[in-house]
Amino acid sequence: MIRLKWSWLVSLLLVLTLAGCGGGEAPSMQEDAAMEEAPAGPPAEPIDPETVGAITGSVAFEGETPRRVRIRMDAVPACTESNPDPVYSEEVIVNDNGTLQNVFVYVKAGLENRTFDVPEQLVHLDQNGCVYHPHVLGVMTGQTLHIMNSDPTNHNIHPMPAQNREWNKSQPPDTAPLREQFPRPEVMLPVKCNVHPWMKAYIGVLRHPFFAVTGTDGAFSLEGLPPGDYTIEAWHEKYGTAEQTVTIGEKETQEIEFTFSS
């Protein structure tokens, strides 16, 4: 009788254990991405195009202009042959007008009650002359990044995200472009080439389209913003970040300026 009771108890414990462990499979990458693309929050408010405004400005640089470092590609003949002129690091580029290039400027806060369609337009990242072009770029979550290899040598694209899944893909010359997406917001996401250690790029991934990268004039423009209060952040790979709060009214354009110092 005691032996029968013990057998019954063991069977009961086994059934409970199996029931508790059921359905324990980890979510797939697709399921994980789907959850990220549909965050919980208040209903989206439509944007009235008759009321939108803009935030414009520039990024100034103060201090002694750093000397740009020459990139040595001598060990890779295909890279040197693609660059008859010297190639320099893009880490810090100060324009002739005292402004700074490659600063990623975006709306950090103020759009939480809005949703935006993912553009069908591709965002291009090229490997040309053994350098990433552009050096800094932005995409929306779920938007397709179109990666090309215009060089006669093999490259290796290796994003190193903190919020998205890491991947590492080889891209030989004369092969089809790679197409990738990032489901989670992340500012900024570094990219490197495992074959050529000097190759670096940075990608800003956002849920909205209000971002810009400063160019040869150091200017930026965030257009089509609905009236409201915003936090604007400027990011630079060496000098870090700076923030400003801005309020824009209907059809209003506000101008701001960021300054980074050496």
C-alpha atoms as a PDB file:
ATOM      1  CA  MET A   1       0.000   0.000   0.000  1.00  0.00           C
ATOM      2  CA  ILE A   2       2.844   2.378   0.856  1.00  0.00           C
ATOM      3  CA  ARG A   3       4.574   1.465  -2.398  1.00  0.00           C
ATOM      4  CA  LEU A   4       1.386   2.315  -4.383  1.00  0.00           C
ATOM      5  CA  LYS A   5       1.010   5.716  -2.671  1.00  0.00           C
ATOM      6  CA  TRP A   6       4.638   6.575  -3.402  1.00  0.00           C
ATOM      7  CA  SER A   7       4.220   5.627  -7.064  1.00  0.00           C
ATOM      8  CA  TRP A   8       1.094   7.811  -7.329  1.00  0.00           C
ATOM      9  CA  LEU A   9       2.888  10.804  -5.746  1.00  0.00           C
ATOM     10  CA  VAL A  10       5.854  10.525  -8.126  1.00  0.00           C
ATOM     11  CA  SER A  11       3.502  10.379 -11.122  1.00  0.00           C
ATOM     12  CA  LEU A  12       1.616  13.468  -9.921  1.00  0.00           C
ATOM     13  CA  LEU A  13       4.847  15.461  -9.492  1.00  0.00           C
ATOM     14  CA  LEU A  14       6.010  14.440 -12.975  1.00  0.00           C
ATOM     15  CA  VAL A  15       2.729  15.629 -14.554  1.00  0.00           C
ATOM     16  CA  LEU A  16       2.901  18.988 -12.742  1.00  0.00           C
ATOM     17  CA  THR A  17       6.520  19.487 -13.781  1.00  0.00           C
ATOM     18  CA  LEU A  18       5.802  18.792 -17.439  1.00  0.00           C
ATOM     19  CA  ALA A  19       2.778  21.133 -17.377  1.00  0.00           C
ATOM     20  CA  GLY A  20       4.864  23.929 -15.882  1.00  0.00           C
ATOM     21  CA  CYS A  21       7.610  23.531 -18.529  1.00  0.00           C
ATOM     22  CA  GLY A  22       5.289  23.482 -21.542  1.00  0.00           C
ATOM     23  CA  GLY A  23       5.552  26.285 -24.160  1.00  0.00           C
ATOM     24  CA  GLY A  24       9.049  27.284 -23.085  1.00  0.00           C
ATOM     25  CA  GLU A  25      10.497  27.905 -26.536  1.00  0.00           C
ATOM     26  CA  ALA A  26      12.364  31.205 -26.977  1.00  0.00           C
ATOM     27  CA  PRO A  27      10.719  33.683 -29.360  1.00  0.00           C
ATOM     28  CA  SER A  28      12.093  33.711 -32.875  1.00  0.00           C
ATOM     29  CA  MET A  29      13.890  36.734 -34.341  1.00  0.00           C
ATOM     30  CA  GLN A  30      10.750  37.547 -36.342  1.00  0.00           C
ATOM     31  CA  GLU A  31       8.549  37.455 -33.234  1.00  0.00           C
ATOM     32  CA  ASP A  32      11.065  39.539 -31.317  1.00  0.00           C
ATOM     33  CA  ALA A  33      11.171  42.128 -34.105  1.00  0.00           C
ATOM     34  CA  ALA A  34       7.369  42.212 -34.334  1.00  0.00           C
ATOM     35  CA  MET A  35       7.079  42.964 -30.628  1.00  0.00           C
ATOM     36  CA  GLU A  36       9.588  45.789 -30.966  1.00  0.00           C
ATOM     37  CA  GLU A  37       7.743  47.317 -33.927  1.00  0.00           C
ATOM     38  CA  ALA A  38       4.470  47.562 -31.990  1.00  0.00           C
ATOM     39  CA  PRO A  39       5.230  49.201 -28.623  1.00  0.00           C
ATOM     40  CA  ALA A  40       2.423  49.819 -26.185  1.00  0.00           C
ATOM     41  CA  GLY A  41       1.322  53.422 -25.857  1.00  0.00           C
ATOM     42  CA  PRO A  42      -1.487  55.938 -26.351  1.00  0.00           C
ATOM     43  CA  PRO A  43      -3.383  56.078 -29.664  1.00  0.00           C
ATOM     44  CA  ALA A  44      -1.454  57.867 -32.375  1.00  0.00           C
ATOM     45  CA  GLU A  45      -2.395  61.452 -33.067  1.00  0.00           C
ATOM     46  CA  PRO A  46      -2.619  62.412 -36.759  1.00  0.00           C
ATOM     47  CA  ILE A  47      -0.432  65.276 -37.952  1.00  0.00           C
ATOM     48  CA  ASP A  48      -2.207  68.168 -39.632  1.00  0.00           C
ATOM     49  CA  PRO A  49       0.076  69.228 -42.525  1.00  0.00           C
ATOM     50  CA  GLU A  50      -1.396  72.738 -42.356  1.00  0.00           C
ATOM     51  CA  THR A  51       0.108  73.312 -38.904  1.00  0.00           C
ATOM     52  CA  VAL A  52       3.597  71.798 -39.141  1.00  0.00           C
ATOM     53  CA  GLY A  53       6.754  73.767 -38.489  1.00  0.00           C
ATOM     54  CA  ALA A  54      10.498  73.169 -38.416  1.00  0.00           C
ATOM     55  CA  ILE A  55      13.618  73.307 -36.289  1.00  0.00           C
ATOM     56  CA  THR A  56      16.734  74.429 -38.112  1.00  0.00           C
ATOM     57  CA  GLY A  57      20.238  75.391 -37.094  1.00  0.00           C
ATOM     58  CA  SER A  58      23.908  74.535 -37.221  1.00  0.00           C
ATOM     59  CA  VAL A  59      26.634  72.893 -35.161  1.00  0.00           C
ATOM     60  CA  ALA A  60      29.566  75.154 -34.355  1.00  0.00           C
ATOM     61  CA  PHE A  61      33.077  74.137 -33.304  1.00  0.00           C
ATOM     62  CA  GLU A  62      35.227  76.006 -30.784  1.00  0.00           C
ATOM     63  CA  GLY A  63      38.890  75.559 -30.055  1.00  0.00           C
ATOM     64  CA  GLU A  64      41.921  74.494 -32.029  1.00  0.00           C
ATOM     65  CA  THR A  65      41.010  72.488 -35.099  1.00  0.00           C
ATOM     66  CA  PRO A  66      42.316  68.932 -34.695  1.00  0.00           C
ATOM     67  CA  ARG A  67      44.715  67.668 -37.320  1.00  0.00           C
ATOM     68  CA  ARG A  68      43.102  64.934 -39.390  1.00  0.00           C
ATOM     69  CA  VAL A  69      44.924  61.614 -39.292  1.00  0.00           C
ATOM     70  CA  ARG A  70      45.948  60.047 -42.580  1.00  0.00           C
ATOM     71  CA  ILE A  71      44.685  56.489 -43.099  1.00  0.00           C
ATOM     72  CA  ARG A  72      47.414  54.105 -44.226  1.00  0.00           C
ATOM     73  CA  MET A  73      46.155  51.439 -46.633  1.00  0.00           C
ATOM     74  CA  ASP A  74      49.551  50.329 -47.971  1.00  0.00           C
ATOM     75  CA  ALA A  75      49.008  46.701 -46.918  1.00  0.00           C
ATOM     76  CA  VAL A  76      46.004  46.401 -49.260  1.00  0.00           C
ATOM     77  CA  PRO A  77      46.960  47.265 -52.869  1.00  0.00           C
ATOM     78  CA  ALA A  78      43.311  47.273 -54.006  1.00  0.00           C
ATOM     79  CA  CYS A  79      42.600  50.051 -51.494  1.00  0.00           C
ATOM     80  CA  THR A  80      45.604  52.202 -52.381  1.00  0.00           C
ATOM     81  CA  GLU A  81      44.912  51.820 -56.104  1.00  0.00           C
ATOM     82  CA  SER A  82      41.365  53.051 -55.523  1.00  0.00           C
ATOM     83  CA  ASN A  83      42.664  56.210 -53.832  1.00  0.00           C
ATOM     84  CA  PRO A  84      45.183  58.212 -55.886  1.00  0.00           C
ATOM     85  CA  ASP A  85      44.987  60.959 -53.242  1.00  0.00           C
ATOM     86  CA  PRO A  86      45.611  60.574 -49.499  1.00  0.00           C
ATOM     87  CA  VAL A  87      42.627  59.491 -47.377  1.00  0.00           C
ATOM     88  CA  TYR A  88      42.049  60.986 -43.937  1.00  0.00           C
ATOM     89  CA  SER A  89      39.987  59.982 -40.936  1.00  0.00           C
ATOM     90  CA  GLU A  90      36.463  61.401 -40.787  1.00  0.00           C
ATOM     91  CA  GLU A  91      36.312  61.332 -36.988  1.00  0.00           C
ATOM     92  CA  VAL A  92      36.556  65.142 -36.760  1.00  0.00           C
ATOM     93  CA  ILE A  93      36.000  67.377 -39.780  1.00  0.00           C
ATOM     94  CA  VAL A  94      35.789  71.123 -39.127  1.00  0.00           C
ATOM     95  CA  ASN A  95      34.408  73.130 -42.031  1.00  0.00           C
ATOM     96  CA  ASP A  96      35.884  76.396 -43.309  1.00  0.00           C
ATOM     97  CA  ASN A  97      33.000  78.293 -41.687  1.00  0.00           C
ATOM     98  CA  GLY A  98      33.828  76.919 -38.225  1.00  0.00           C
ATOM     99  CA  THR A  99      31.091  74.286 -38.152  1.00  0.00           C
ATOM    100  CA  LEU A 100      31.320  70.541 -37.596  1.00  0.00           C
ATOM    101  CA  GLN A 101      30.535  67.748 -40.049  1.00  0.00           C
ATOM    102  CA  ASN A 102      29.025  64.326 -39.341  1.00  0.00           C
ATOM    103  CA  VAL A 103      26.887  65.405 -36.392  1.00  0.00           C
ATOM    104  CA  PHE A 104      23.657  63.411 -36.076  1.00  0.00           C
ATOM    105  CA  VAL A 105      20.834  65.744 -34.973  1.00  0.00           C
ATOM    106  CA  TYR A 106      17.439  64.283 -34.109  1.00  0.00           C
ATOM    107  CA  VAL A 107      14.268  64.614 -32.055  1.00  0.00           C
ATOM    108  CA  LYS A 108      15.008  62.710 -28.852  1.00  0.00           C
ATOM    109  CA  ALA A 109      11.688  63.380 -27.092  1.00  0.00           C
ATOM    110  CA  GLY A 110       8.317  64.905 -27.967  1.00  0.00           C
ATOM    111  CA  LEU A 111       6.944  62.392 -30.481  1.00  0.00           C
ATOM    112  CA  GLU A 112       5.937  59.598 -28.121  1.00  0.00           C
ATOM    113  CA  ASN A 113       2.239  59.891 -29.052  1.00  0.00           C
ATOM    114  CA  ARG A 114       2.934  59.654 -32.786  1.00  0.00           C
ATOM    115  CA  THR A 115       3.483  56.773 -35.186  1.00  0.00           C
ATOM    116  CA  PHE A 116       5.030  56.959 -38.637  1.00  0.00           C
ATOM    117  CA  ASP A 117       4.938  54.739 -41.693  1.00  0.00           C
ATOM    118  CA  VAL A 118       8.203  53.076 -42.625  1.00  0.00           C
ATOM    119  CA  PRO A 119       9.489  54.589 -45.889  1.00  0.00           C
ATOM    120  CA  GLU A 120       9.866  52.305 -48.891  1.00  0.00           C
ATOM    121  CA  GLN A 121      12.871  54.353 -49.941  1.00  0.00           C
ATOM    122  CA  LEU A 122      16.185  52.540 -49.463  1.00  0.00           C
ATOM    123  CA  VAL A 123      18.995  54.053 -47.406  1.00  0.00           C
ATOM    124  CA  HIS A 124      22.346  53.474 -49.109  1.00  0.00           C
ATOM    125  CA  LEU A 125      25.666  52.593 -47.508  1.00  0.00           C
ATOM    126  CA  ASP A 126      28.528  52.153 -49.988  1.00  0.00           C
ATOM    127  CA  GLN A 127      32.041  50.797 -49.581  1.00  0.00           C
ATOM    128  CA  ASN A 128      34.121  52.774 -52.030  1.00  0.00           C
ATOM    129  CA  GLY A 129      37.851  53.357 -51.844  1.00  0.00           C
ATOM    130  CA  CYS A 130      37.860  51.132 -48.746  1.00  0.00           C
ATOM    131  CA  VAL A 131      35.848  53.771 -46.882  1.00  0.00           C
ATOM    132  CA  TYR A 132      32.203  53.772 -45.826  1.00  0.00           C
ATOM    133  CA  HIS A 133      30.047  56.381 -47.572  1.00  0.00           C
ATOM    134  CA  PRO A 134      28.401  58.076 -45.792  1.00  0.00           C
ATOM    135  CA  HIS A 135      30.288  58.036 -42.520  1.00  0.00           C
ATOM    136  CA  VAL A 136      27.158  58.883 -40.484  1.00  0.00           C
ATOM    137  CA  LEU A 137      23.604  58.122 -41.571  1.00  0.00           C
ATOM    138  CA  GLY A 138      20.091  57.582 -40.241  1.00  0.00           C
ATOM    139  CA  VAL A 139      17.310  55.074 -40.907  1.00  0.00           C
ATOM    140  CA  MET A 140      13.886  54.400 -39.451  1.00  0.00           C
ATOM    141  CA  THR A 141      13.143  51.147 -37.655  1.00  0.00           C
ATOM    142  CA  GLY A 142      12.180  48.587 -40.273  1.00  0.00           C
ATOM    143  CA  GLN A 143      13.537  50.670 -43.162  1.00  0.00           C
ATOM    144  CA  THR A 144      15.826  48.817 -45.559  1.00  0.00           C
ATOM    145  CA  LEU A 145      19.550  49.559 -45.503  1.00  0.00           C
ATOM    146  CA  HIS A 146      21.030  48.876 -48.954  1.00  0.00           C
ATOM    147  CA  ILE A 147      24.730  48.000 -48.601  1.00  0.00           C
ATOM    148  CA  MET A 148      26.963  48.037 -51.686  1.00  0.00           C
ATOM    149  CA  ASN A 149      30.569  47.061 -52.350  1.00  0.00           C
ATOM    150  CA  SER A 150      32.015  49.261 -55.096  1.00  0.00           C
ATOM    151  CA  ASP A 151      35.592  48.079 -54.470  1.00  0.00           C
ATOM    152  CA  PRO A 152      37.596  45.339 -56.239  1.00  0.00           C
ATOM    153  CA  THR A 153      38.285  43.695 -52.885  1.00  0.00           C
ATOM    154  CA  ASN A 154      36.408  41.774 -50.231  1.00  0.00           C
ATOM    155  CA  HIS A 155      34.715  43.627 -47.357  1.00  0.00           C
ATOM    156  CA  ASN A 156      33.080  42.498 -44.150  1.00  0.00           C
ATOM    157  CA  ILE A 157      30.152  44.472 -42.726  1.00  0.00           C
ATOM    158  CA  HIS A 158      29.870  44.109 -38.978  1.00  0.00           C
ATOM    159  CA  PRO A 159      27.357  46.273 -37.068  1.00  0.00           C
ATOM    160  CA  MET A 160      27.926  46.203 -33.300  1.00  0.00           C
ATOM    161  CA  PRO A 161      24.581  47.206 -31.766  1.00  0.00           C
ATOM    162  CA  ALA A 162      23.545  47.399 -28.138  1.00  0.00           C
ATOM    163  CA  GLN A 163      19.765  47.206 -28.750  1.00  0.00           C
ATOM    164  CA  ASN A 164      19.542  45.305 -32.048  1.00  0.00           C
ATOM    165  CA  ARG A 165      20.816  41.884 -33.057  1.00  0.00           C
ATOM    166  CA  GLU A 166      24.458  41.741 -34.080  1.00  0.00           C
ATOM    167  CA  TRP A 167      25.364  40.313 -37.480  1.00  0.00           C
ATOM    168  CA  ASN A 168      28.529  39.957 -39.506  1.00  0.00           C
ATOM    169  CA  LYS A 169      28.471  39.389 -43.293  1.00  0.00           C
ATOM    170  CA  SER A 170      31.140  39.119 -45.950  1.00  0.00           C
ATOM    171  CA  GLN A 171      30.626  40.979 -49.229  1.00  0.00           C
ATOM    172  CA  PRO A 172      32.999  40.077 -52.082  1.00  0.00           C
ATOM    173  CA  PRO A 173      33.349  42.397 -55.093  1.00  0.00           C
ATOM    174  CA  ASP A 174      30.810  42.210 -57.909  1.00  0.00           C
ATOM    175  CA  THR A 175      28.149  40.664 -55.699  1.00  0.00           C
ATOM    176  CA  ALA A 176      24.563  41.730 -55.082  1.00  0.00           C
ATOM    177  CA  PRO A 177      23.956  44.413 -52.455  1.00  0.00           C
ATOM    178  CA  LEU A 178      23.018  43.344 -48.952  1.00  0.00           C
ATOM    179  CA  ARG A 179      19.657  44.437 -47.539  1.00  0.00           C
ATOM    180  CA  GLU A 180      19.228  44.654 -43.796  1.00  0.00           C
ATOM    181  CA  GLN A 181      16.826  46.224 -41.271  1.00  0.00           C
ATOM    182  CA  PHE A 182      16.989  47.211 -37.613  1.00  0.00           C
ATOM    183  CA  PRO A 183      13.763  46.721 -35.595  1.00  0.00           C
ATOM    184  CA  ARG A 184      14.783  48.706 -32.478  1.00  0.00           C
ATOM    185  CA  PRO A 185      15.700  52.386 -32.032  1.00  0.00           C
ATOM    186  CA  GLU A 186      19.378  52.951 -31.303  1.00  0.00           C
ATOM    187  CA  VAL A 187      21.543  56.085 -31.340  1.00  0.00           C
ATOM    188  CA  MET A 188      24.195  55.422 -32.411  1.00  0.00           C
ATOM    189  CA  LEU A 189      24.975  51.995 -33.872  1.00  0.00           C
ATOM    190  CA  PRO A 190      28.650  51.524 -34.856  1.00  0.00           C
ATOM    191  CA  VAL A 191      29.661  49.579 -37.958  1.00  0.00           C
ATOM    192  CA  LYS A 192      33.121  48.236 -38.766  1.00  0.00           C
ATOM    193  CA  CYS A 193      34.842  46.129 -41.406  1.00  0.00           C
ATOM    194  CA  ASN A 194      36.714  43.151 -39.970  1.00  0.00           C
ATOM    195  CA  VAL A 195      38.980  43.070 -43.035  1.00  0.00           C
ATOM    196  CA  HIS A 196      39.999  46.749 -42.958  1.00  0.00           C
ATOM    197  CA  PRO A 197      40.139  48.051 -39.364  1.00  0.00           C
ATOM    198  CA  TRP A 198      40.120  51.741 -40.338  1.00  0.00           C
ATOM    199  CA  MET A 199      36.654  51.445 -41.912  1.00  0.00           C
ATOM    200  CA  LYS A 200      33.997  52.825 -39.555  1.00  0.00           C
ATOM    201  CA  ALA A 201      30.458  54.150 -39.886  1.00  0.00           C
ATOM    202  CA  TYR A 202      27.634  55.066 -37.518  1.00  0.00           C
ATOM    203  CA  ILE A 203      23.893  54.558 -37.974  1.00  0.00           C
ATOM    204  CA  GLY A 204      21.117  56.289 -36.059  1.00  0.00           C
ATOM    205  CA  VAL A 205      17.963  54.139 -35.897  1.00  0.00           C
ATOM    206  CA  LEU A 206      14.735  55.935 -34.968  1.00  0.00           C
ATOM    207  CA  ARG A 207      10.974  55.338 -34.981  1.00  0.00           C
ATOM    208  CA  HIS A 208      10.399  58.668 -36.731  1.00  0.00           C
ATOM    209  CA  PRO A 209      11.866  60.553 -39.717  1.00  0.00           C
ATOM    210  CA  PHE A 210      13.029  63.683 -37.896  1.00  0.00           C
ATOM    211  CA  PHE A 211      16.802  63.444 -38.067  1.00  0.00           C
ATOM    212  CA  ALA A 212      19.629  64.989 -40.071  1.00  0.00           C
ATOM    213  CA  VAL A 213      23.408  64.765 -40.490  1.00  0.00           C
ATOM    214  CA  THR A 214      25.483  67.929 -40.803  1.00  0.00           C
ATOM    215  CA  GLY A 215      27.539  68.319 -43.971  1.00  0.00           C
ATOM    216  CA  THR A 216      30.016  70.788 -45.406  1.00  0.00           C
ATOM    217  CA  ASP A 217      28.050  73.787 -44.088  1.00  0.00           C
ATOM    218  CA  GLY A 218      27.385  72.331 -40.618  1.00  0.00           C
ATOM    219  CA  ALA A 219      23.646  72.965 -40.957  1.00  0.00           C
ATOM    220  CA  PHE A 220      20.629  70.796 -40.187  1.00  0.00           C
ATOM    221  CA  SER A 221      16.874  71.029 -40.718  1.00  0.00           C
ATOM    222  CA  LEU A 222      14.061  69.023 -39.108  1.00  0.00           C
ATOM    223  CA  GLU A 223      10.977  69.851 -41.137  1.00  0.00           C
ATOM    224  CA  GLY A 224       7.340  68.817 -40.912  1.00  0.00           C
ATOM    225  CA  LEU A 225       7.146  68.765 -37.109  1.00  0.00           C
ATOM    226  CA  PRO A 226       3.720  69.214 -35.496  1.00  0.00           C
ATOM    227  CA  PRO A 227       3.410  72.000 -32.898  1.00  0.00           C
ATOM    228  CA  GLY A 228       4.770  70.913 -29.537  1.00  0.00           C
ATOM    229  CA  ASP A 229       7.656  70.710 -27.095  1.00  0.00           C
ATOM    230  CA  TYR A 230      10.764  68.826 -28.177  1.00  0.00           C
ATOM    231  CA  THR A 231      14.135  67.710 -26.920  1.00  0.00           C
ATOM    232  CA  ILE A 232      16.700  67.898 -29.694  1.00  0.00           C
ATOM    233  CA  GLU A 233      19.970  66.008 -29.349  1.00  0.00           C
ATOM    234  CA  ALA A 234      23.178  66.418 -31.334  1.00  0.00           C
ATOM    235  CA  TRP A 235      25.574  63.443 -31.363  1.00  0.00           C
ATOM    236  CA  HIS A 236      29.209  63.391 -32.420  1.00  0.00           C
ATOM    237  CA  GLU A 237      31.456  60.320 -32.348  1.00  0.00           C
ATOM    238  CA  LYS A 238      34.295  62.084 -30.499  1.00  0.00           C
ATOM    239  CA  TYR A 239      32.666  64.958 -28.616  1.00  0.00           C
ATOM    240  CA  GLY A 240      29.593  63.149 -27.309  1.00  0.00           C
ATOM    241  CA  THR A 241      26.112  64.653 -27.091  1.00  0.00           C
ATOM    242  CA  ALA A 242      24.378  67.962 -26.407  1.00  0.00           C
ATOM    243  CA  GLU A 243      20.672  68.676 -25.871  1.00  0.00           C
ATOM    244  CA  GLN A 244      18.289  71.604 -26.205  1.00  0.00           C
ATOM    245  CA  THR A 245      14.567  71.935 -25.539  1.00  0.00           C
ATOM    246  CA  VAL A 246      12.516  73.722 -28.185  1.00  0.00           C
ATOM    247  CA  THR A 247       8.851  74.704 -28.471  1.00  0.00           C
ATOM    248  CA  ILE A 248       7.340  75.342 -31.885  1.00  0.00           C
ATOM    249  CA  GLY A 249       3.898  76.682 -32.652  1.00  0.00           C
ATOM    250  CA  GLU A 250       1.738  76.284 -35.733  1.00  0.00           C
ATOM    251  CA  LYS A 251       3.694  76.934 -38.949  1.00  0.00           C
ATOM    252  CA  GLU A 252       6.610  78.178 -36.861  1.00  0.00           C
ATOM    253  CA  THR A 253      10.316  77.684 -37.514  1.00  0.00           C
ATOM    254  CA  GLN A 254      12.708  77.817 -34.587  1.00  0.00           C
ATOM    255  CA  GLU A 255      16.449  78.169 -35.067  1.00  0.00           C
ATOM    256  CA  ILE A 256      18.963  76.723 -32.597  1.00  0.00           C
ATOM    257  CA  GLU A 257      22.709  76.227 -32.494  1.00  0.00           C
ATOM    258  CA  PHE A 258      24.845  73.557 -30.895  1.00  0.00           C
ATOM    259  CA  THR A 259      28.510  74.032 -30.033  1.00  0.00           C
ATOM    260  CA  PHE A 260      31.169  71.396 -29.474  1.00  0.00           C
ATOM    261  CA  SER A 261      34.633  72.198 -28.159  1.00  0.00           C
ATOM    262  CA  SER A 262      37.997  70.509 -28.484  1.00  0.00           C
END
